[in-house]
Amino acid sequence: MEFTSDDRHRAVHLKDKTEKVGVWVDGVPLPEDAWLDVSGYWVDDRFYVVQAAGPEDHPEQELAMGHLGCRVLAVVIHDVQQATTRMIVPDATETWTDPCVRLDGGTWRLYADGATAEAGRPARLFPAIPPSV
């Protein structure tokens, strides 16, 4: 279990018999059809972020060592205030091998890996709160 710093919210990761990980945040299941990592992290005690297996049809996708078993990864972001979940997936021109996100004001900065994060070169920028439909 991973709690926010104020202990108001929690994320629970559980493996099933097939080694697939299910994740629930405050009882809300994250995408059940996605292969999710065994841990994630909280951003501003509001957003829970976890890596997920990237698309099987990605041109750079290949089997790799590690829990998710693939080279190209995606990111899942759950907003506890709105009880909404978004899965951010790389397109065919993006190769995210260890994606992470940072919140800058109301904008997410998604980095493909630690080196691009350290260099301050985001692969994508997008609003933290998606526009209402």
Protein backbone atom coordinates (compact mmCIF):
# COMPACT_ATOMS: atom_id res chain seq x y z
CA MET A 1 0.00 0.00 0.00
CA GLU A 2 1.13 3.49 -0.77
CA PHE A 3 -0.41 6.40 1.15
CA THR A 4 -0.42 10.11 0.43
CA SER A 5 1.67 12.21 2.82
CA ASP A 6 -1.47 13.16 4.77
CA ASP A 7 -2.72 9.52 4.85
CA ARG A 8 -6.05 10.52 3.27
CA HIS A 9 -5.65 8.41 0.14
CA ARG A 10 -4.13 5.02 -0.62
CA ALA A 11 -3.11 2.92 -3.58
CA VAL A 12 -3.13 -0.86 -3.35
CA HIS A 13 -1.24 -3.14 -5.77
CA LEU A 14 -2.07 -6.87 -5.83
CA LYS A 15 -0.66 -9.61 -8.09
CA ASP A 16 -2.92 -12.38 -9.34
CA LYS A 17 -1.88 -15.96 -10.22
CA THR A 18 -0.76 -14.89 -13.70
CA GLU A 19 1.54 -12.22 -12.19
CA LYS A 20 -0.71 -9.47 -13.54
CA VAL A 21 -0.97 -6.56 -11.10
CA GLY A 22 -4.27 -4.94 -10.21
CA VAL A 23 -4.22 -1.43 -8.76
CA TRP A 24 -6.96 0.30 -6.77
CA VAL A 25 -6.81 3.90 -5.62
CA ASP A 26 -9.28 4.66 -2.83
CA GLY A 27 -11.17 1.57 -3.98
CA VAL A 28 -11.35 2.66 -7.64
CA PRO A 29 -9.75 0.09 -9.98
CA LEU A 30 -7.24 1.39 -12.51
CA PRO A 31 -7.55 0.00 -16.07
CA GLU A 32 -8.05 -3.72 -15.63
CA ASP A 33 -6.96 -4.52 -19.19
CA ALA A 34 -3.53 -2.88 -18.72
CA TRP A 35 -0.38 -4.51 -17.38
CA LEU A 36 0.56 -2.22 -14.47
CA ASP A 37 3.79 -1.95 -12.49
CA VAL A 38 4.07 -3.23 -8.93
CA SER A 39 4.44 0.28 -7.50
CA GLY A 40 3.73 3.90 -8.35
CA TYR A 41 4.01 7.31 -6.74
CA TRP A 42 1.85 10.18 -5.52
CA VAL A 43 2.07 13.69 -6.94
CA ASP A 44 0.71 16.51 -4.76
CA ASP A 45 -1.38 14.05 -2.69
CA ARG A 46 -3.92 14.17 -5.52
CA PHE A 47 -2.57 12.17 -8.44
CA TYR A 48 -1.38 8.57 -8.38
CA VAL A 49 1.03 7.66 -11.19
CA VAL A 50 2.02 4.14 -12.26
CA GLN A 51 3.86 2.80 -15.29
CA ALA A 52 2.11 0.37 -17.61
CA ALA A 53 3.14 -1.85 -20.51
CA GLY A 54 3.19 0.12 -23.74
CA PRO A 55 1.35 -0.83 -26.92
CA GLU A 56 2.19 -4.25 -28.38
CA ASP A 57 2.10 -2.84 -31.92
CA HIS A 58 4.61 -0.04 -31.21
CA PRO A 59 7.47 -0.27 -33.78
CA GLU A 60 10.11 -0.20 -31.01
CA GLN A 61 8.30 -2.67 -28.72
CA GLU A 62 10.22 -5.77 -27.72
CA LEU A 63 10.42 -8.15 -24.82
CA ALA A 64 12.59 -6.93 -21.96
CA MET A 65 13.58 -8.01 -18.48
CA GLY A 66 11.52 -6.65 -15.61
CA HIS A 67 7.99 -6.90 -14.29
CA LEU A 68 6.22 -5.41 -17.29
CA GLY A 69 8.24 -7.49 -19.75
CA CYS A 70 8.46 -4.90 -22.50
CA ARG A 71 10.76 -2.10 -23.61
CA VAL A 72 8.26 0.66 -24.41
CA LEU A 73 6.06 1.78 -21.53
CA ALA A 74 3.01 3.98 -20.95
CA VAL A 75 1.84 5.97 -17.90
CA VAL A 76 -1.42 5.82 -15.95
CA ILE A 77 -2.48 8.88 -13.91
CA HIS A 78 -5.39 8.68 -11.46
CA ASP A 79 -6.91 11.90 -10.06
CA VAL A 80 -8.44 11.19 -6.63
CA GLN A 81 -10.40 14.46 -6.55
CA GLN A 82 -12.23 13.74 -9.79
CA ALA A 83 -12.03 9.91 -9.53
CA THR A 84 -10.79 9.80 -13.13
CA THR A 85 -8.00 7.81 -14.72
CA ARG A 86 -6.00 8.55 -17.86
CA MET A 87 -3.61 6.25 -19.67
CA ILE A 88 -1.00 8.17 -21.67
CA VAL A 89 0.42 5.99 -24.45
CA PRO A 90 3.42 6.77 -26.66
CA ASP A 91 2.72 7.10 -30.36
CA ALA A 92 4.82 5.34 -33.01
CA THR A 93 7.45 8.13 -32.97
CA GLU A 94 7.92 8.11 -29.16
CA THR A 95 9.99 5.55 -27.24
CA TRP A 96 9.34 5.80 -23.51
CA THR A 97 11.55 3.29 -21.71
CA ASP A 98 11.16 4.62 -18.15
CA PRO A 99 8.50 7.34 -18.33
CA CYS A 100 7.87 9.71 -15.46
CA VAL A 101 5.69 12.75 -15.04
CA ARG A 102 6.16 15.97 -13.12
CA LEU A 103 3.47 18.51 -12.36
CA ASP A 104 4.34 22.11 -13.18
CA GLY A 105 1.43 24.36 -12.19
CA GLY A 106 -1.53 22.93 -14.09
CA THR A 107 0.58 21.13 -16.70
CA TRP A 108 2.00 17.61 -16.74
CA ARG A 109 5.49 17.25 -18.16
CA LEU A 110 6.03 13.68 -19.33
CA TYR A 111 9.62 12.49 -19.75
CA ALA A 112 10.64 9.41 -21.75
CA ASP A 113 13.25 8.38 -19.17
CA GLY A 114 15.45 9.66 -16.35
CA ALA A 115 18.01 11.27 -18.68
CA THR A 116 15.40 13.41 -20.46
CA ALA A 117 13.88 14.36 -17.10
CA GLU A 118 17.26 15.40 -15.76
CA ALA A 119 17.90 17.42 -18.93
CA GLY A 120 14.45 19.05 -18.70
CA ARG A 121 13.34 17.78 -22.13
CA PRO A 122 9.73 16.60 -21.85
CA ALA A 123 8.35 14.28 -24.51
CA ARG A 124 4.86 15.72 -23.97
CA LEU A 125 3.06 18.51 -22.16
CA PHE A 126 -0.64 18.19 -21.33
CA PRO A 127 -3.12 19.72 -18.87
CA ALA A 128 -3.34 18.12 -15.44
CA ILE A 129 -7.11 18.49 -15.49
CA PRO A 130 -8.54 17.46 -18.86
CA PRO A 131 -11.13 19.81 -20.35
CA SER A 132 -14.75 18.87 -19.69
CA VAL A 133 -16.46 17.05 -22.51
